[in-house]
Amino acid sequence: MENLTIAELPHQLAGGMTAAVPPPAQLPPQMFTTAAQLLDLTDKKLMVVLRDGRKLVGVLRSWDQF
């Protein structure tokens, strides 16, 4: 019996067929709000959607990581 973790898939299926492992899902770059991503967005026009549904449009001039 194989010991598998959640990240691992069995290498073979019943009957000797190999399992086709799909590539990991790629998230769009808009999903990341790290300091590196904010650096790329500095001095560019953005639209920010707040949690209450309001939308702000403007140019991101500076930001604080804290």
PDB file of N, CA and C in Angstrom:
ATOM      1  N   MET A   1       0.845  -1.182   0.000  1.00  0.00           N
ATOM      2  CA  MET A   1       0.000   0.000   0.000  1.00  0.00           C
ATOM      3  C   MET A   1       0.886   1.239   0.000  1.00  0.00           C
ATOM      4  N   GLU A   2       0.539   2.206  -0.844  1.00  0.00           N
ATOM      5  CA  GLU A   2       1.325   3.431  -0.940  1.00  0.00           C
ATOM      6  C   GLU A   2       0.887   4.433   0.115  1.00  0.00           C
ATOM      7  N   ASN A   3       1.854   5.163   0.630  1.00  0.00           N
ATOM      8  CA  ASN A   3       1.561   6.279   1.523  1.00  0.00           C
ATOM      9  C   ASN A   3       1.606   7.548   0.695  1.00  0.00           C
ATOM     10  N   LEU A   4       0.469   8.186   0.506  1.00  0.00           N
ATOM     11  CA  LEU A   4       0.382   9.387  -0.314  1.00  0.00           C
ATOM     12  C   LEU A   4      -0.025  10.575   0.541  1.00  0.00           C
ATOM     13  N   THR A   5       0.510  11.733   0.192  1.00  0.00           N
ATOM     14  CA  THR A   5       0.046  12.960   0.825  1.00  0.00           C
ATOM     15  C   THR A   5      -0.997  13.590  -0.091  1.00  0.00           C
ATOM     16  N   ILE A   6      -1.587  14.663   0.356  1.00  0.00           N
ATOM     17  CA  ILE A   6      -2.612  15.323  -0.448  1.00  0.00           C
ATOM     18  C   ILE A   6      -2.014  15.837  -1.758  1.00  0.00           C
ATOM     19  N   ALA A   7      -0.758  16.273  -1.718  1.00  0.00           N
ATOM     20  CA  ALA A   7      -0.128  16.840  -2.911  1.00  0.00           C
ATOM     21  C   ALA A   7       0.303  15.774  -3.911  1.00  0.00           C
ATOM     22  N   GLU A   8       0.371  14.525  -3.497  1.00  0.00           N
ATOM     23  CA  GLU A   8       0.836  13.468  -4.383  1.00  0.00           C
ATOM     24  C   GLU A   8      -0.343  12.689  -4.952  1.00  0.00           C
ATOM     25  N   LEU A   9      -0.211  12.273  -6.191  1.00  0.00           N
ATOM     26  CA  LEU A   9      -1.199  11.433  -6.837  1.00  0.00           C
ATOM     27  C   LEU A   9      -0.550  10.097  -7.162  1.00  0.00           C
ATOM     28  N   PRO A  10      -1.308   9.020  -7.210  1.00  0.00           N
ATOM     29  CA  PRO A  10      -0.709   7.738  -7.567  1.00  0.00           C
ATOM     30  C   PRO A  10      -0.160   7.783  -8.991  1.00  0.00           C
ATOM     31  N   HIS A  11       0.956   7.073  -9.212  1.00  0.00           N
ATOM     32  CA  HIS A  11       1.600   7.078 -10.520  1.00  0.00           C
ATOM     33  C   HIS A  11       0.885   6.176 -11.511  1.00  0.00           C
ATOM     34  N   GLN A  12       0.219   5.139 -11.038  1.00  0.00           N
ATOM     35  CA  GLN A  12      -0.466   4.222 -11.941  1.00  0.00           C
ATOM     36  C   GLN A  12      -1.879   3.961 -11.449  1.00  0.00           C
ATOM     37  N   LEU A  13      -2.772   3.793 -12.395  1.00  0.00           N
ATOM     38  CA  LEU A  13      -4.141   3.420 -12.079  1.00  0.00           C
ATOM     39  C   LEU A  13      -4.280   1.917 -12.246  1.00  0.00           C
ATOM     40  N   ALA A  14      -5.434   1.392 -11.907  1.00  0.00           N
ATOM     41  CA  ALA A  14      -5.681  -0.035 -12.088  1.00  0.00           C
ATOM     42  C   ALA A  14      -5.569  -0.384 -13.565  1.00  0.00           C
ATOM     43  N   GLY A  15      -4.976  -1.517 -13.859  1.00  0.00           N
ATOM     44  CA  GLY A  15      -4.821  -1.947 -15.243  1.00  0.00           C
ATOM     45  C   GLY A  15      -3.536  -1.453 -15.873  1.00  0.00           C
ATOM     46  N   GLY A  16      -2.654  -0.818 -15.090  1.00  0.00           N
ATOM     47  CA  GLY A  16      -1.375  -0.386 -15.611  1.00  0.00           C
ATOM     48  C   GLY A  16      -1.405   0.930 -16.364  1.00  0.00           C
ATOM     49  N   MET A  17      -2.537   1.619 -16.375  1.00  0.00           N
ATOM     50  CA  MET A  17      -2.612   2.903 -17.072  1.00  0.00           C
ATOM     51  C   MET A  17      -1.986   3.981 -16.195  1.00  0.00           C
ATOM     52  N   THR A  18      -1.301   4.911 -16.795  1.00  0.00           N
ATOM     53  CA  THR A  18      -0.708   5.997 -16.027  1.00  0.00           C
ATOM     54  C   THR A  18      -1.726   7.113 -15.853  1.00  0.00           C
ATOM     55  N   ALA A  19      -1.650   7.781 -14.731  1.00  0.00           N
ATOM     56  CA  ALA A  19      -2.587   8.867 -14.429  1.00  0.00           C
ATOM     57  C   ALA A  19      -2.126  10.147 -15.113  1.00  0.00           C
ATOM     58  N   ALA A  20      -3.037  10.847 -15.743  1.00  0.00           N
ATOM     59  CA  ALA A  20      -2.728  12.140 -16.345  1.00  0.00           C
ATOM     60  C   ALA A  20      -2.862  13.201 -15.262  1.00  0.00           C
ATOM     61  N   VAL A  21      -1.752  13.822 -14.903  1.00  0.00           N
ATOM     62  CA  VAL A  21      -1.742  14.814 -13.838  1.00  0.00           C
ATOM     63  C   VAL A  21      -1.917  16.192 -14.465  1.00  0.00           C
ATOM     64  N   PRO A  22      -2.995  16.890 -14.123  1.00  0.00           N
ATOM     65  CA  PRO A  22      -3.192  18.229 -14.693  1.00  0.00           C
ATOM     66  C   PRO A  22      -2.184  19.201 -14.096  1.00  0.00           C
ATOM     67  N   PRO A  23      -1.785  20.231 -14.836  1.00  0.00           N
ATOM     68  CA  PRO A  23      -0.854  21.219 -14.282  1.00  0.00           C
ATOM     69  C   PRO A  23      -1.541  22.015 -13.179  1.00  0.00           C
ATOM     70  N   PRO A  24      -0.759  22.564 -12.253  1.00  0.00           N
ATOM     71  CA  PRO A  24      -1.368  23.353 -11.180  1.00  0.00           C
ATOM     72  C   PRO A  24      -2.061  24.589 -11.747  1.00  0.00           C
ATOM     73  N   ALA A  25      -3.129  24.986 -11.095  1.00  0.00           N
ATOM     74  CA  ALA A  25      -3.897  26.147 -11.559  1.00  0.00           C
ATOM     75  C   ALA A  25      -3.059  27.412 -11.412  1.00  0.00           C
ATOM     76  N   GLN A  26      -3.089  28.246 -12.422  1.00  0.00           N
ATOM     77  CA  GLN A  26      -2.355  29.511 -12.404  1.00  0.00           C
ATOM     78  C   GLN A  26      -3.320  30.638 -12.053  1.00  0.00           C
ATOM     79  N   LEU A  27      -2.984  31.393 -11.036  1.00  0.00           N
ATOM     80  CA  LEU A  27      -3.812  32.526 -10.647  1.00  0.00           C
ATOM     81  C   LEU A  27      -3.383  33.760 -11.428  1.00  0.00           C
ATOM     82  N   PRO A  28      -4.317  34.617 -11.762  1.00  0.00           N
ATOM     83  CA  PRO A  28      -3.935  35.842 -12.474  1.00  0.00           C
ATOM     84  C   PRO A  28      -3.102  36.736 -11.565  1.00  0.00           C
ATOM     85  N   PRO A  29      -2.223  37.560 -12.128  1.00  0.00           N
ATOM     86  CA  PRO A  29      -1.370  38.403 -11.284  1.00  0.00           C
ATOM     87  C   PRO A  29      -2.153  39.380 -10.426  1.00  0.00           C
ATOM     88  N   GLN A  30      -3.412  39.675 -10.780  1.00  0.00           N
ATOM     89  CA  GLN A  30      -4.215  40.586  -9.976  1.00  0.00           C
ATOM     90  C   GLN A  30      -4.557  39.991  -8.616  1.00  0.00           C
ATOM     91  N   MET A  31      -4.373  38.698  -8.446  1.00  0.00           N
ATOM     92  CA  MET A  31      -4.725  38.055  -7.184  1.00  0.00           C
ATOM     93  C   MET A  31      -3.692  38.329  -6.100  1.00  0.00           C
ATOM     94  N   PHE A  32      -2.505  38.795  -6.463  1.00  0.00           N
ATOM     95  CA  PHE A  32      -1.435  38.969  -5.494  1.00  0.00           C
ATOM     96  C   PHE A  32      -1.299  40.433  -5.121  1.00  0.00           C
ATOM     97  N   THR A  33      -1.330  40.722  -3.828  1.00  0.00           N
ATOM     98  CA  THR A  33      -1.204  42.095  -3.360  1.00  0.00           C
ATOM     99  C   THR A  33       0.034  42.237  -2.490  1.00  0.00           C
ATOM    100  N   THR A  34       1.090  41.530  -2.833  1.00  0.00           N
ATOM    101  CA  THR A  34       2.335  41.638  -2.086  1.00  0.00           C
ATOM    102  C   THR A  34       3.015  42.954  -2.432  1.00  0.00           C
ATOM    103  N   ALA A  35       4.064  43.276  -1.689  1.00  0.00           N
ATOM    104  CA  ALA A  35       4.790  44.514  -1.941  1.00  0.00           C
ATOM    105  C   ALA A  35       5.360  44.539  -3.353  1.00  0.00           C
ATOM    106  N   ALA A  36       5.802  43.397  -3.856  1.00  0.00           N
ATOM    107  CA  ALA A  36       6.351  43.349  -5.211  1.00  0.00           C
ATOM    108  C   ALA A  36       5.277  43.688  -6.239  1.00  0.00           C
ATOM    109  N   GLN A  37       4.073  43.218  -6.048  1.00  0.00           N
ATOM    110  CA  GLN A  37       2.992  43.526  -6.986  1.00  0.00           C
ATOM    111  C   GLN A  37       2.611  44.999  -6.890  1.00  0.00           C
ATOM    112  N   LEU A  38       2.579  45.540  -5.677  1.00  0.00           N
ATOM    113  CA  LEU A  38       2.244  46.954  -5.527  1.00  0.00           C
ATOM    114  C   LEU A  38       3.308  47.840  -6.160  1.00  0.00           C
ATOM    115  N   LEU A  39       4.551  47.395  -6.135  1.00  0.00           N
ATOM    116  CA  LEU A  39       5.620  48.152  -6.775  1.00  0.00           C
ATOM    117  C   LEU A  39       5.374  48.259  -8.273  1.00  0.00           C
ATOM    118  N   ASP A  40       4.899  47.186  -8.887  1.00  0.00           N
ATOM    119  CA  ASP A  40       4.581  47.204 -10.320  1.00  0.00           C
ATOM    120  C   ASP A  40       3.393  48.110 -10.631  1.00  0.00           C
ATOM    121  N   LEU A  41       2.503  48.310  -9.664  1.00  0.00           N
ATOM    122  CA  LEU A  41       1.298  49.109  -9.893  1.00  0.00           C
ATOM    123  C   LEU A  41       1.469  50.586  -9.547  1.00  0.00           C
ATOM    124  N   THR A  42       2.612  50.956  -8.967  1.00  0.00           N
ATOM    125  CA  THR A  42       2.851  52.339  -8.570  1.00  0.00           C
ATOM    126  C   THR A  42       2.888  53.245  -9.798  1.00  0.00           C
ATOM    127  N   ASP A  43       2.277  54.419  -9.678  1.00  0.00           N
ATOM    128  CA  ASP A  43       2.194  55.433 -10.741  1.00  0.00           C
ATOM    129  C   ASP A  43       1.395  54.958 -11.947  1.00  0.00           C
ATOM    130  N   LYS A  44       0.437  54.086 -11.711  1.00  0.00           N
ATOM    131  CA  LYS A  44      -0.457  53.635 -12.779  1.00  0.00           C
ATOM    132  C   LYS A  44      -1.899  53.870 -12.342  1.00  0.00           C
ATOM    133  N   LYS A  45      -2.769  54.067 -13.319  1.00  0.00           N
ATOM    134  CA  LYS A  45      -4.186  54.279 -13.031  1.00  0.00           C
ATOM    135  C   LYS A  45      -4.825  52.939 -12.680  1.00  0.00           C
ATOM    136  N   LEU A  46      -5.542  52.909 -11.559  1.00  0.00           N
ATOM    137  CA  LEU A  46      -6.157  51.680 -11.056  1.00  0.00           C
ATOM    138  C   LEU A  46      -7.620  51.916 -10.733  1.00  0.00           C
ATOM    139  N   MET A  47      -8.365  50.826 -10.695  1.00  0.00           N
ATOM    140  CA  MET A  47      -9.708  50.838 -10.152  1.00  0.00           C
ATOM    141  C   MET A  47      -9.716  49.822  -9.018  1.00  0.00           C
ATOM    142  N   VAL A  48     -10.079  50.272  -7.831  1.00  0.00           N
ATOM    143  CA  VAL A  48     -10.121  49.418  -6.646  1.00  0.00           C
ATOM    144  C   VAL A  48     -11.575  49.240  -6.250  1.00  0.00           C
ATOM    145  N   VAL A  49     -11.998  47.994  -6.066  1.00  0.00           N
ATOM    146  CA  VAL A  49     -13.354  47.696  -5.613  1.00  0.00           C
ATOM    147  C   VAL A  49     -13.278  47.371  -4.128  1.00  0.00           C
ATOM    148  N   LEU A  50     -13.965  48.167  -3.320  1.00  0.00           N
ATOM    149  CA  LEU A  50     -13.969  47.957  -1.876  1.00  0.00           C
ATOM    150  C   LEU A  50     -14.947  46.851  -1.501  1.00  0.00           C
ATOM    151  N   ARG A  51     -14.836  46.378  -0.272  1.00  0.00           N
ATOM    152  CA  ARG A  51     -15.696  45.273   0.167  1.00  0.00           C
ATOM    153  C   ARG A  51     -17.169  45.646   0.209  1.00  0.00           C
ATOM    154  N   ASP A  52     -17.474  46.921   0.358  1.00  0.00           N
ATOM    155  CA  ASP A  52     -18.885  47.327   0.382  1.00  0.00           C
ATOM    156  C   ASP A  52     -19.426  47.615  -1.016  1.00  0.00           C
ATOM    157  N   GLY A  53     -18.623  47.358  -2.052  1.00  0.00           N
ATOM    158  CA  GLY A  53     -19.090  47.511  -3.416  1.00  0.00           C
ATOM    159  C   GLY A  53     -18.718  48.825  -4.081  1.00  0.00           C
ATOM    160  N   ARG A  54     -18.241  49.798  -3.296  1.00  0.00           N
ATOM    161  CA  ARG A  54     -17.831  51.066  -3.895  1.00  0.00           C
ATOM    162  C   ARG A  54     -16.578  50.870  -4.742  1.00  0.00           C
ATOM    163  N   LYS A  55     -16.432  51.703  -5.763  1.00  0.00           N
ATOM    164  CA  LYS A  55     -15.271  51.631  -6.653  1.00  0.00           C
ATOM    165  C   LYS A  55     -14.513  52.946  -6.593  1.00  0.00           C
ATOM    166  N   LEU A  56     -13.202  52.851  -6.447  1.00  0.00           N
ATOM    167  CA  LEU A  56     -12.337  54.022  -6.452  1.00  0.00           C
ATOM    168  C   LEU A  56     -11.448  53.948  -7.685  1.00  0.00           C
ATOM    169  N   VAL A  57     -11.347  55.053  -8.416  1.00  0.00           N
ATOM    170  CA  VAL A  57     -10.491  55.126  -9.598  1.00  0.00           C
ATOM    171  C   VAL A  57      -9.481  56.229  -9.365  1.00  0.00           C
ATOM    172  N   GLY A  58      -8.210  55.927  -9.615  1.00  0.00           N
ATOM    173  CA  GLY A  58      -7.180  56.937  -9.442  1.00  0.00           C
ATOM    174  C   GLY A  58      -5.808  56.374  -9.742  1.00  0.00           C
ATOM    175  N   VAL A  59      -4.799  57.181  -9.469  1.00  0.00           N
ATOM    176  CA  VAL A  59      -3.410  56.792  -9.704  1.00  0.00           C
ATOM    177  C   VAL A  59      -2.778  56.466  -8.358  1.00  0.00           C
ATOM    178  N   LEU A  60      -2.169  55.293  -8.257  1.00  0.00           N
ATOM    179  CA  LEU A  60      -1.487  54.879  -7.030  1.00  0.00           C
ATOM    180  C   LEU A  60      -0.121  55.549  -7.000  1.00  0.00           C
ATOM    181  N   ARG A  61       0.038  56.520  -6.121  1.00  0.00           N
ATOM    182  CA  ARG A  61       1.299  57.262  -6.039  1.00  0.00           C
ATOM    183  C   ARG A  61       2.265  56.643  -5.043  1.00  0.00           C
ATOM    184  N   SER A  62       1.766  56.171  -3.907  1.00  0.00           N
ATOM    185  CA  SER A  62       2.638  55.559  -2.901  1.00  0.00           C
ATOM    186  C   SER A  62       1.816  54.588  -2.073  1.00  0.00           C
ATOM    187  N   TRP A  63       2.495  53.769  -1.290  1.00  0.00           N
ATOM    188  CA  TRP A  63       1.838  52.787  -0.449  1.00  0.00           C
ATOM    189  C   TRP A  63       2.754  52.450   0.713  1.00  0.00           C
ATOM    190  N   ASP A  64       2.173  51.909   1.758  1.00  0.00           N
ATOM    191  CA  ASP A  64       2.926  51.494   2.941  1.00  0.00           C
ATOM    192  C   ASP A  64       2.623  50.028   3.175  1.00  0.00           C
ATOM    193  N   GLN A  65       3.648  49.223   3.355  1.00  0.00           N
ATOM    194  CA  GLN A  65       3.436  47.783   3.491  1.00  0.00           C
ATOM    195  C   GLN A  65       2.875  47.385   4.847  1.00  0.00           C
ATOM    196  N   PHE A  66       2.785  48.317   5.793  1.00  0.00           N
ATOM    197  CA  PHE A  66       2.282  47.965   7.118  1.00  0.00           C
ATOM    198  C   PHE A  66       0.886  48.386   7.277  1.00  0.00           C
TER     199      PHE A  66
END
